[in-house]
Every structure is written in C-alpha cells, then in structure tokens.
C-alpha cells in the first residue's frame, strides 16, 4: 500500500535542488503537490513536467520571509485540494564567510529565510492540521545544525541549530495527530552551495561540495520514508551525509 498516494504536500523552495527533487519523487508516488518559490517560471516548468507524467501539482509564487504570502500559500492548498497533509519547510540560503567579514546584511537575510521562513510555514499550516487532527511538518536543517561550521558558517549554523530547536519544541507541543521531522543533510547537490559572496568562502565551498556531494534525490527518498510511516509512527530526525564526508 502506498501511504503517500493522494497526500497534499506543500514544499517551499521547490524551484531547484532538494525541493525540486523531492517534488518529483513524491509526485511519482502519487502525492498532490503545492510548490512554492520565488522563481515562478521554474515552478511552472516543474508543474508541467509533473502533469505530463500524470501527477498533480500547482505552483504558488511565495517569498517565505513574508508571513502573508505563506498564509496565502496554505489557503491556495486548501482551495485546490481541501486539506494539507504535509508541509516541507525546505526554503533556505547559505551565504558563508568568517564573522570578521561582517556580512551583516547576509546574516539578517539568513535569519529571515532560514528561521522566520520556517516559523511562517508552521503558523500557516498548524491551525488546519490541528482541526484535521492529522498532519506532518518536515523542517530542513543541516549537519551544520549538529556541529558549528567554522570558520565560515557560524551564522548559518546558528540558523540551523534554531531550526532543530524549534522542531523539537513543535514535536513536544504538537496537537493530536500532528507529526514532526527534522531532516539534516550533509553535502547534497543543490544551489545552496552557490550563495557565498565572499570569494575565499565560495572557493572553499565549491571544492568541498565537488569532493563530497551526493544527489538531491538522496534527501527526497529520506523525506518519503518519514512521510510513508503509519500515522502512529513519528520519525523525529533523519541525519544523512555522503559516506566520504567527515563533517
């Protein structure tokens, strides 16, 4: 029995990388998808691919830093499919640099996307899931949320430590029937690695990913595993790394 069939799944950051790979994987398993990102052309192309393969998906232009836009995303999911079964809080950015470079604007942007964006997603779907007495919120963290990624990723690590803390708090406070999962990947092929404006950090990240990265579909399969468990089983945390990655 396919436990993913017909589940309504919202995915933020769905226009590339982990979000796109997860959308394609879940669509193939019969999920009905609500795909969110700022790049609407890429979203529309992804929806077209999914529909050509017989799947169901809609695209919703969404900036997760804007709480009203995330609320509207949830409302569009309800208007189209009548329920929300899963939210995958995947949108995130990773501009890396040593603290001494004082990339204050990038620090603020990371907090807005990586932390506030997750909270906006939770706020948008939790009332519906509470009323349904069922639902699943999956928050994308990182191995950098398990160990501080020095000397270039201290602020990024801080945002992912926050995601893990928020997820654990949500697990403890979750209403009846609502499950939570933290997914913490290592180096996975995605555009996340391209976000650094500091030349030295960018070069280091590029070399690190080239030496270690695994396909984005690896994370998609882990997410599917968490979703497909019986309702009484809550997979609270998944950590996955390339076998060769030591961090």
C-alpha atoms as a PDB file:
ATOM      1  CA  UNK A   1       0.000   0.000   0.000  1.00  0.00           C
ATOM      2  CA  UNK A   2       1.342   3.440  -0.992  1.00  0.00           C
ATOM      3  CA  UNK A   3       0.947   5.687   2.063  1.00  0.00           C
ATOM      4  CA  UNK A   4       1.965   8.780   0.069  1.00  0.00           C
ATOM      5  CA  UNK A   5      -0.778   8.425  -2.563  1.00  0.00           C
ATOM      6  CA  UNK A   6      -3.119  11.468  -2.595  1.00  0.00           C
ATOM      7  CA  UNK A   7      -1.442  13.236   0.322  1.00  0.00           C
ATOM      8  CA  UNK A   8      -1.424  17.004  -0.120  1.00  0.00           C
ATOM      9  CA  UNK A   9       2.152  18.217   0.286  1.00  0.00           C
ATOM     10  CA  UNK A  10       3.372  21.826   0.364  1.00  0.00           C
ATOM     11  CA  UNK A  11       7.063  22.256  -0.496  1.00  0.00           C
ATOM     12  CA  UNK A  12       8.824  25.598  -0.112  1.00  0.00           C
ATOM     13  CA  UNK A  13      11.995  26.292  -2.062  1.00  0.00           C
ATOM     14  CA  UNK A  14      10.670  23.926  -4.722  1.00  0.00           C
ATOM     15  CA  UNK A  15      12.206  25.538  -7.813  1.00  0.00           C
ATOM     16  CA  UNK A  16      15.554  23.718  -7.597  1.00  0.00           C
ATOM     17  CA  UNK A  17      17.767  21.375  -5.601  1.00  0.00           C
ATOM     18  CA  UNK A  18      16.275  19.416  -2.727  1.00  0.00           C
ATOM     19  CA  UNK A  19      12.832  20.940  -3.184  1.00  0.00           C
ATOM     20  CA  UNK A  20      12.617  20.076  -6.866  1.00  0.00           C
ATOM     21  CA  UNK A  21      13.982  16.557  -6.338  1.00  0.00           C
ATOM     22  CA  UNK A  22      11.512  15.960  -3.518  1.00  0.00           C
ATOM     23  CA  UNK A  23       8.632  17.256  -5.629  1.00  0.00           C
ATOM     24  CA  UNK A  24       9.477  14.897  -8.480  1.00  0.00           C
ATOM     25  CA  UNK A  25       9.918  11.931  -6.138  1.00  0.00           C
ATOM     26  CA  UNK A  26       6.675  12.488  -4.225  1.00  0.00           C
ATOM     27  CA  UNK A  27       4.723  13.199  -7.408  1.00  0.00           C
ATOM     28  CA  UNK A  28       5.833   9.823  -8.740  1.00  0.00           C
ATOM     29  CA  UNK A  29       4.430   8.288  -5.544  1.00  0.00           C
ATOM     30  CA  UNK A  30       1.048   9.934  -6.117  1.00  0.00           C
ATOM     31  CA  UNK A  31       1.229  12.970  -3.833  1.00  0.00           C
ATOM     32  CA  UNK A  32      -0.715  16.090  -4.750  1.00  0.00           C
ATOM     33  CA  UNK A  33       1.747  18.949  -4.611  1.00  0.00           C
ATOM     34  CA  UNK A  34       1.652  22.655  -3.843  1.00  0.00           C
ATOM     35  CA  UNK A  35       5.016  24.017  -4.938  1.00  0.00           C
ATOM     36  CA  UNK A  36       6.293  27.332  -3.617  1.00  0.00           C
ATOM     37  CA  UNK A  37       9.269  29.523  -4.520  1.00  0.00           C
ATOM     38  CA  UNK A  38      10.016  32.982  -5.822  1.00  0.00           C
ATOM     39  CA  UNK A  39      11.077  31.834  -9.305  1.00  0.00           C
ATOM     40  CA  UNK A  40       7.687  31.216 -10.864  1.00  0.00           C
ATOM     41  CA  UNK A  41       8.979  30.272 -14.324  1.00  0.00           C
ATOM     42  CA  UNK A  42      10.943  27.368 -12.880  1.00  0.00           C
ATOM     43  CA  UNK A  43       7.988  26.339 -10.749  1.00  0.00           C
ATOM     44  CA  UNK A  44       5.666  26.353 -13.742  1.00  0.00           C
ATOM     45  CA  UNK A  45       8.119  24.233 -15.740  1.00  0.00           C
ATOM     46  CA  UNK A  46       8.283  21.731 -12.868  1.00  0.00           C
ATOM     47  CA  UNK A  47       4.484  21.593 -12.627  1.00  0.00           C
ATOM     48  CA  UNK A  48       4.288  20.968 -16.370  1.00  0.00           C
ATOM     49  CA  UNK A  49       6.761  18.078 -16.082  1.00  0.00           C
ATOM     50  CA  UNK A  50       4.803  16.543 -13.216  1.00  0.00           C
ATOM     51  CA  UNK A  51       1.485  16.876 -15.035  1.00  0.00           C
ATOM     52  CA  UNK A  52       2.894  15.341 -18.214  1.00  0.00           C
ATOM     53  CA  UNK A  53       3.871  12.320 -16.131  1.00  0.00           C
ATOM     54  CA  UNK A  54       0.319  12.044 -14.792  1.00  0.00           C
ATOM     55  CA  UNK A  55       0.849  13.812 -11.462  1.00  0.00           C
ATOM     56  CA  UNK A  56      -0.969  16.681  -9.776  1.00  0.00           C
ATOM     57  CA  UNK A  57       0.722  19.943  -8.796  1.00  0.00           C
ATOM     58  CA  UNK A  58       0.181  23.671  -8.618  1.00  0.00           C
ATOM     59  CA  UNK A  59       2.723  26.483  -8.417  1.00  0.00           C
ATOM     60  CA  UNK A  60       2.398  29.373  -5.980  1.00  0.00           C
ATOM     61  CA  UNK A  61       4.831  32.302  -6.060  1.00  0.00           C
ATOM     62  CA  UNK A  62       5.954  32.668  -2.443  1.00  0.00           C
ATOM     63  CA  UNK A  63       8.614  34.537  -0.515  1.00  0.00           C
ATOM     64  CA  UNK A  64       8.827  32.704   2.817  1.00  0.00           C
ATOM     65  CA  UNK A  65      10.108  35.832   4.573  1.00  0.00           C
ATOM     66  CA  UNK A  66       6.637  37.361   4.078  1.00  0.00           C
ATOM     67  CA  UNK A  67       4.186  35.782   6.525  1.00  0.00           C
ATOM     68  CA  UNK A  68       1.180  36.932   4.491  1.00  0.00           C
ATOM     69  CA  UNK A  69       2.476  35.191   1.376  1.00  0.00           C
ATOM     70  CA  UNK A  70       2.973  31.934   3.279  1.00  0.00           C
ATOM     71  CA  UNK A  71      -0.554  32.202   4.688  1.00  0.00           C
ATOM     72  CA  UNK A  72      -1.812  32.690   1.130  1.00  0.00           C
ATOM     73  CA  UNK A  73       0.160  29.600   0.069  1.00  0.00           C
ATOM     74  CA  UNK A  74      -1.654  27.484   2.655  1.00  0.00           C
ATOM     75  CA  UNK A  75      -5.003  28.932   1.608  1.00  0.00           C
ATOM     76  CA  UNK A  76      -4.339  28.048  -2.026  1.00  0.00           C
ATOM     77  CA  UNK A  77      -3.528  24.476  -0.992  1.00  0.00           C
ATOM     78  CA  UNK A  78      -6.853  24.275   0.833  1.00  0.00           C
ATOM     79  CA  UNK A  79      -8.769  25.888  -2.032  1.00  0.00           C
ATOM     80  CA  UNK A  80      -7.354  23.430  -4.561  1.00  0.00           C
ATOM     81  CA  UNK A  81      -7.142  20.190  -2.582  1.00  0.00           C
ATOM     82  CA  UNK A  82      -9.270  20.711   0.538  1.00  0.00           C
ATOM     83  CA  UNK A  83      -6.646  19.734   3.116  1.00  0.00           C
ATOM     84  CA  UNK A  84      -2.928  19.943   3.994  1.00  0.00           C
ATOM     85  CA  UNK A  85      -1.221  16.697   4.948  1.00  0.00           C
ATOM     86  CA  UNK A  86       2.464  17.666   4.835  1.00  0.00           C
ATOM     87  CA  UNK A  87       4.498  20.863   4.909  1.00  0.00           C
ATOM     88  CA  UNK A  88       8.135  20.590   3.889  1.00  0.00           C
ATOM     89  CA  UNK A  89       9.912  23.741   5.087  1.00  0.00           C
ATOM     90  CA  UNK A  90      12.754  23.480   2.605  1.00  0.00           C
ATOM     91  CA  UNK A  91      13.497  27.074   1.577  1.00  0.00           C
ATOM     92  CA  UNK A  92      16.919  28.169   2.811  1.00  0.00           C
ATOM     93  CA  UNK A  93      20.067  30.095   1.937  1.00  0.00           C
ATOM     94  CA  UNK A  94      23.733  29.600   2.859  1.00  0.00           C
ATOM     95  CA  UNK A  95      25.950  32.654   2.270  1.00  0.00           C
ATOM     96  CA  UNK A  96      29.175  31.765   4.068  1.00  0.00           C
ATOM     97  CA  UNK A  97      32.021  33.945   5.348  1.00  0.00           C
ATOM     98  CA  UNK A  98      34.047  34.359   8.535  1.00  0.00           C
ATOM     99  CA  UNK A  99      32.359  36.519  11.175  1.00  0.00           C
ATOM    100  CA  UNK A 100      35.171  39.056  10.853  1.00  0.00           C
ATOM    101  CA  UNK A 101      33.986  39.860   7.309  1.00  0.00           C
ATOM    102  CA  UNK A 102      30.905  41.462   8.953  1.00  0.00           C
ATOM    103  CA  UNK A 103      28.395  40.377   6.314  1.00  0.00           C
ATOM    104  CA  UNK A 104      25.599  41.830   8.437  1.00  0.00           C
ATOM    105  CA  UNK A 105      23.034  42.019   5.622  1.00  0.00           C
ATOM    106  CA  UNK A 106      23.653  38.350   4.810  1.00  0.00           C
ATOM    107  CA  UNK A 107      23.261  37.427   8.483  1.00  0.00           C
ATOM    108  CA  UNK A 108      19.887  39.155   8.549  1.00  0.00           C
ATOM    109  CA  UNK A 109      18.780  37.507   5.332  1.00  0.00           C
ATOM    110  CA  UNK A 110      19.691  34.062   6.674  1.00  0.00           C
ATOM    111  CA  UNK A 111      17.682  34.698   9.821  1.00  0.00           C
ATOM    112  CA  UNK A 112      14.721  35.885   7.748  1.00  0.00           C
ATOM    113  CA  UNK A 113      14.715  32.894   5.374  1.00  0.00           C
ATOM    114  CA  UNK A 114      16.097  30.043   7.471  1.00  0.00           C
ATOM    115  CA  UNK A 115      14.368  30.794  10.784  1.00  0.00           C
ATOM    116  CA  UNK A 116      11.457  33.151  10.195  1.00  0.00           C
ATOM    117  CA  UNK A 117      10.538  31.311   7.000  1.00  0.00           C
ATOM    118  CA  UNK A 118      10.168  28.070   8.955  1.00  0.00           C
ATOM    119  CA  UNK A 119       8.033  29.786  11.600  1.00  0.00           C
ATOM    120  CA  UNK A 120       5.846  31.355   8.928  1.00  0.00           C
ATOM    121  CA  UNK A 121       5.264  27.900   7.470  1.00  0.00           C
ATOM    122  CA  UNK A 122       4.340  26.433  10.834  1.00  0.00           C
ATOM    123  CA  UNK A 123       1.943  29.304  11.530  1.00  0.00           C
ATOM    124  CA  UNK A 124       0.277  28.865   8.147  1.00  0.00           C
ATOM    125  CA  UNK A 125      -0.499  25.145   8.432  1.00  0.00           C
ATOM    126  CA  UNK A 126      -0.785  24.347  12.136  1.00  0.00           C
ATOM    127  CA  UNK A 127      -4.407  25.520  12.560  1.00  0.00           C
ATOM    128  CA  UNK A 128      -5.526  23.322   9.652  1.00  0.00           C
ATOM    129  CA  UNK A 129      -3.587  20.320  10.916  1.00  0.00           C
ATOM    130  CA  UNK A 130      -4.982  20.852  14.417  1.00  0.00           C
ATOM    131  CA  UNK A 131      -8.530  20.868  13.049  1.00  0.00           C
ATOM    132  CA  UNK A 132      -7.832  17.786  10.910  1.00  0.00           C
ATOM    133  CA  UNK A 133      -6.172  16.018  13.860  1.00  0.00           C
ATOM    134  CA  UNK A 134      -3.500  14.968  11.393  1.00  0.00           C
ATOM    135  CA  UNK A 135      -0.551  16.447   9.563  1.00  0.00           C
ATOM    136  CA  UNK A 136       3.199  16.336   9.224  1.00  0.00           C
ATOM    137  CA  UNK A 137       5.663  19.245   9.377  1.00  0.00           C
ATOM    138  CA  UNK A 138       9.116  18.471   7.999  1.00  0.00           C
ATOM    139  CA  UNK A 139      11.832  21.057   8.643  1.00  0.00           C
ATOM    140  CA  UNK A 140      15.075  21.029   6.701  1.00  0.00           C
ATOM    141  CA  UNK A 141      18.049  21.572   9.000  1.00  0.00           C
ATOM    142  CA  UNK A 142      21.650  20.545   8.278  1.00  0.00           C
ATOM    143  CA  UNK A 143      24.626  18.717   9.709  1.00  0.00           C
ATOM    144  CA  UNK A 144      25.736  22.308  10.365  1.00  0.00           C
ATOM    145  CA  UNK A 145      22.947  22.317  12.953  1.00  0.00           C
ATOM    146  CA  UNK A 146      24.706  19.499  14.779  1.00  0.00           C
ATOM    147  CA  UNK A 147      28.215  20.959  14.723  1.00  0.00           C
ATOM    148  CA  UNK A 148      29.194  24.593  14.172  1.00  0.00           C
ATOM    149  CA  UNK A 149      30.531  25.031  10.644  1.00  0.00           C
ATOM    150  CA  UNK A 150      33.588  27.150  11.434  1.00  0.00           C
ATOM    151  CA  UNK A 151      35.391  29.210  10.275  1.00  0.00           C
ATOM    152  CA  UNK A 152      32.949  30.324   7.593  1.00  0.00           C
ATOM    153  CA  UNK A 153      29.497  29.120   8.641  1.00  0.00           C
ATOM    154  CA  UNK A 154      28.874  30.224  12.212  1.00  0.00           C
ATOM    155  CA  UNK A 155      25.750  32.233  11.408  1.00  0.00           C
ATOM    156  CA  UNK A 156      24.428  29.574   9.047  1.00  0.00           C
ATOM    157  CA  UNK A 157      24.957  27.006  11.800  1.00  0.00           C
ATOM    158  CA  UNK A 158      23.131  29.258  14.248  1.00  0.00           C
ATOM    159  CA  UNK A 159      20.080  29.309  11.975  1.00  0.00           C
ATOM    160  CA  UNK A 160      20.099  25.519  11.638  1.00  0.00           C
ATOM    161  CA  UNK A 161      20.565  24.985  15.378  1.00  0.00           C
ATOM    162  CA  UNK A 162      17.473  27.189  15.707  1.00  0.00           C
ATOM    163  CA  UNK A 163      15.533  25.048  13.228  1.00  0.00           C
ATOM    164  CA  UNK A 164      16.347  21.948  15.258  1.00  0.00           C
ATOM    165  CA  UNK A 165      15.306  23.646  18.499  1.00  0.00           C
ATOM    166  CA  UNK A 166      12.050  24.883  17.006  1.00  0.00           C
ATOM    167  CA  UNK A 167      11.319  21.447  15.561  1.00  0.00           C
ATOM    168  CA  UNK A 168      11.862  19.728  18.898  1.00  0.00           C
ATOM    169  CA  UNK A 169       9.663  22.299  20.619  1.00  0.00           C
ATOM    170  CA  UNK A 170       6.981  21.750  17.996  1.00  0.00           C
ATOM    171  CA  UNK A 171       7.210  17.993  18.496  1.00  0.00           C
ATOM    172  CA  UNK A 172       6.618  18.414  22.226  1.00  0.00           C
ATOM    173  CA  UNK A 173       3.754  20.882  21.770  1.00  0.00           C
ATOM    174  CA  UNK A 174       2.172  19.342  18.675  1.00  0.00           C
ATOM    175  CA  UNK A 175      -1.581  18.761  18.839  1.00  0.00           C
ATOM    176  CA  UNK A 176      -3.098  15.324  18.450  1.00  0.00           C
ATOM    177  CA  UNK A 177      -2.149  13.580  15.219  1.00  0.00           C
ATOM    178  CA  UNK A 178       0.497  16.090  14.088  1.00  0.00           C
ATOM    179  CA  UNK A 179       3.960  14.666  13.394  1.00  0.00           C
ATOM    180  CA  UNK A 180       7.291  16.476  13.090  1.00  0.00           C
ATOM    181  CA  UNK A 181      10.527  15.534  11.377  1.00  0.00           C
ATOM    182  CA  UNK A 182      13.917  17.255  11.207  1.00  0.00           C
ATOM    183  CA  UNK A 183      15.992  16.350   8.150  1.00  0.00           C
ATOM    184  CA  UNK A 184      19.688  17.243   8.449  1.00  0.00           C
ATOM    185  CA  UNK A 185      21.634  16.648   5.231  1.00  0.00           C
ATOM    186  CA  UNK A 186      25.339  16.941   4.603  1.00  0.00           C
ATOM    187  CA  UNK A 187      26.739  17.990   1.233  1.00  0.00           C
ATOM    188  CA  UNK A 188      23.947  17.467  -1.287  1.00  0.00           C
ATOM    189  CA  UNK A 189      23.908  18.719  -4.858  1.00  0.00           C
ATOM    190  CA  UNK A 190      21.906  21.961  -4.895  1.00  0.00           C
ATOM    191  CA  UNK A 191      22.163  25.708  -5.445  1.00  0.00           C
ATOM    192  CA  UNK A 192      22.688  26.195  -1.704  1.00  0.00           C
ATOM    193  CA  UNK A 193      26.434  25.986  -2.269  1.00  0.00           C
ATOM    194  CA  UNK A 194      26.352  28.979  -4.636  1.00  0.00           C
ATOM    195  CA  UNK A 195      25.192  31.600  -2.136  1.00  0.00           C
ATOM    196  CA  UNK A 196      28.507  32.966  -0.845  1.00  0.00           C
ATOM    197  CA  UNK A 197      29.631  36.424  -1.941  1.00  0.00           C
ATOM    198  CA  UNK A 198      32.977  36.101  -0.154  1.00  0.00           C
ATOM    199  CA  UNK A 199      35.423  34.800  -2.804  1.00  0.00           C
ATOM    200  CA  UNK A 200      37.535  32.681  -0.452  1.00  0.00           C
ATOM    201  CA  UNK A 201      34.498  31.075   1.182  1.00  0.00           C
ATOM    202  CA  UNK A 202      32.884  30.452  -2.198  1.00  0.00           C
ATOM    203  CA  UNK A 203      36.001  28.692  -3.487  1.00  0.00           C
ATOM    204  CA  UNK A 204      36.239  26.561  -0.364  1.00  0.00           C
ATOM    205  CA  UNK A 205      32.586  25.560  -0.501  1.00  0.00           C
ATOM    206  CA  UNK A 206      32.852  24.686  -4.204  1.00  0.00           C
ATOM    207  CA  UNK A 207      35.829  22.393  -3.561  1.00  0.00           C
ATOM    208  CA  UNK A 208      34.118  20.807  -0.549  1.00  0.00           C
ATOM    209  CA  UNK A 209      30.959  20.012  -2.487  1.00  0.00           C
ATOM    210  CA  UNK A 210      32.840  18.720  -5.504  1.00  0.00           C
ATOM    211  CA  UNK A 211      34.669  16.287  -3.237  1.00  0.00           C
ATOM    212  CA  UNK A 212      31.665  15.151  -1.211  1.00  0.00           C
ATOM    213  CA  UNK A 213      28.219  15.874  -2.643  1.00  0.00           C
ATOM    214  CA  UNK A 214      25.545  13.274  -3.266  1.00  0.00           C
ATOM    215  CA  UNK A 215      22.427  13.679  -5.465  1.00  0.00           C
ATOM    216  CA  UNK A 216      19.454  15.641  -4.176  1.00  0.00           C
ATOM    217  CA  UNK A 217      17.282  12.573  -4.681  1.00  0.00           C
ATOM    218  CA  UNK A 218      19.043  11.057  -1.663  1.00  0.00           C
ATOM    219  CA  UNK A 219      17.228  13.532   0.571  1.00  0.00           C
ATOM    220  CA  UNK A 220      13.964  13.092  -1.322  1.00  0.00           C
ATOM    221  CA  UNK A 221      13.986   9.381  -0.506  1.00  0.00           C
ATOM    222  CA  UNK A 222      14.628  10.124   3.181  1.00  0.00           C
ATOM    223  CA  UNK A 223      11.690  12.547   3.258  1.00  0.00           C
ATOM    224  CA  UNK A 224       9.441   9.974   1.602  1.00  0.00           C
ATOM    225  CA  UNK A 225      10.459   7.427   4.239  1.00  0.00           C
ATOM    226  CA  UNK A 226       9.321   9.746   7.021  1.00  0.00           C
ATOM    227  CA  UNK A 227       6.030  10.570   5.310  1.00  0.00           C
ATOM    228  CA  UNK A 228       5.062   6.989   4.478  1.00  0.00           C
ATOM    229  CA  UNK A 229       5.224   5.690   8.053  1.00  0.00           C
ATOM    230  CA  UNK A 230       1.915   4.737   9.716  1.00  0.00           C
ATOM    231  CA  UNK A 231       0.140   7.600  11.471  1.00  0.00           C
ATOM    232  CA  UNK A 232       1.188   6.330  14.909  1.00  0.00           C
ATOM    233  CA  UNK A 233       4.896   6.413  13.944  1.00  0.00           C
ATOM    234  CA  UNK A 234       6.754   9.723  14.032  1.00  0.00           C
ATOM    235  CA  UNK A 235      10.273   9.729  12.602  1.00  0.00           C
ATOM    236  CA  UNK A 236      11.570  12.744  14.507  1.00  0.00           C
ATOM    237  CA  UNK A 237      15.023  13.185  12.983  1.00  0.00           C
ATOM    238  CA  UNK A 238      16.992  11.995   9.979  1.00  0.00           C
ATOM    239  CA  UNK A 239      20.690  12.804   9.509  1.00  0.00           C
ATOM    240  CA  UNK A 240      22.279  11.802   6.210  1.00  0.00           C
ATOM    241  CA  UNK A 241      25.704  12.534   4.813  1.00  0.00           C
ATOM    242  CA  UNK A 242      27.829  11.431   1.901  1.00  0.00           C
ATOM    243  CA  UNK A 243      29.769   8.372   3.057  1.00  0.00           C
ATOM    244  CA  UNK A 244      33.040  10.222   2.424  1.00  0.00           C
ATOM    245  CA  UNK A 245      32.076  13.391   4.317  1.00  0.00           C
ATOM    246  CA  UNK A 246      33.795  13.675   7.708  1.00  0.00           C
ATOM    247  CA  UNK A 247      31.971  16.850   8.879  1.00  0.00           C
END
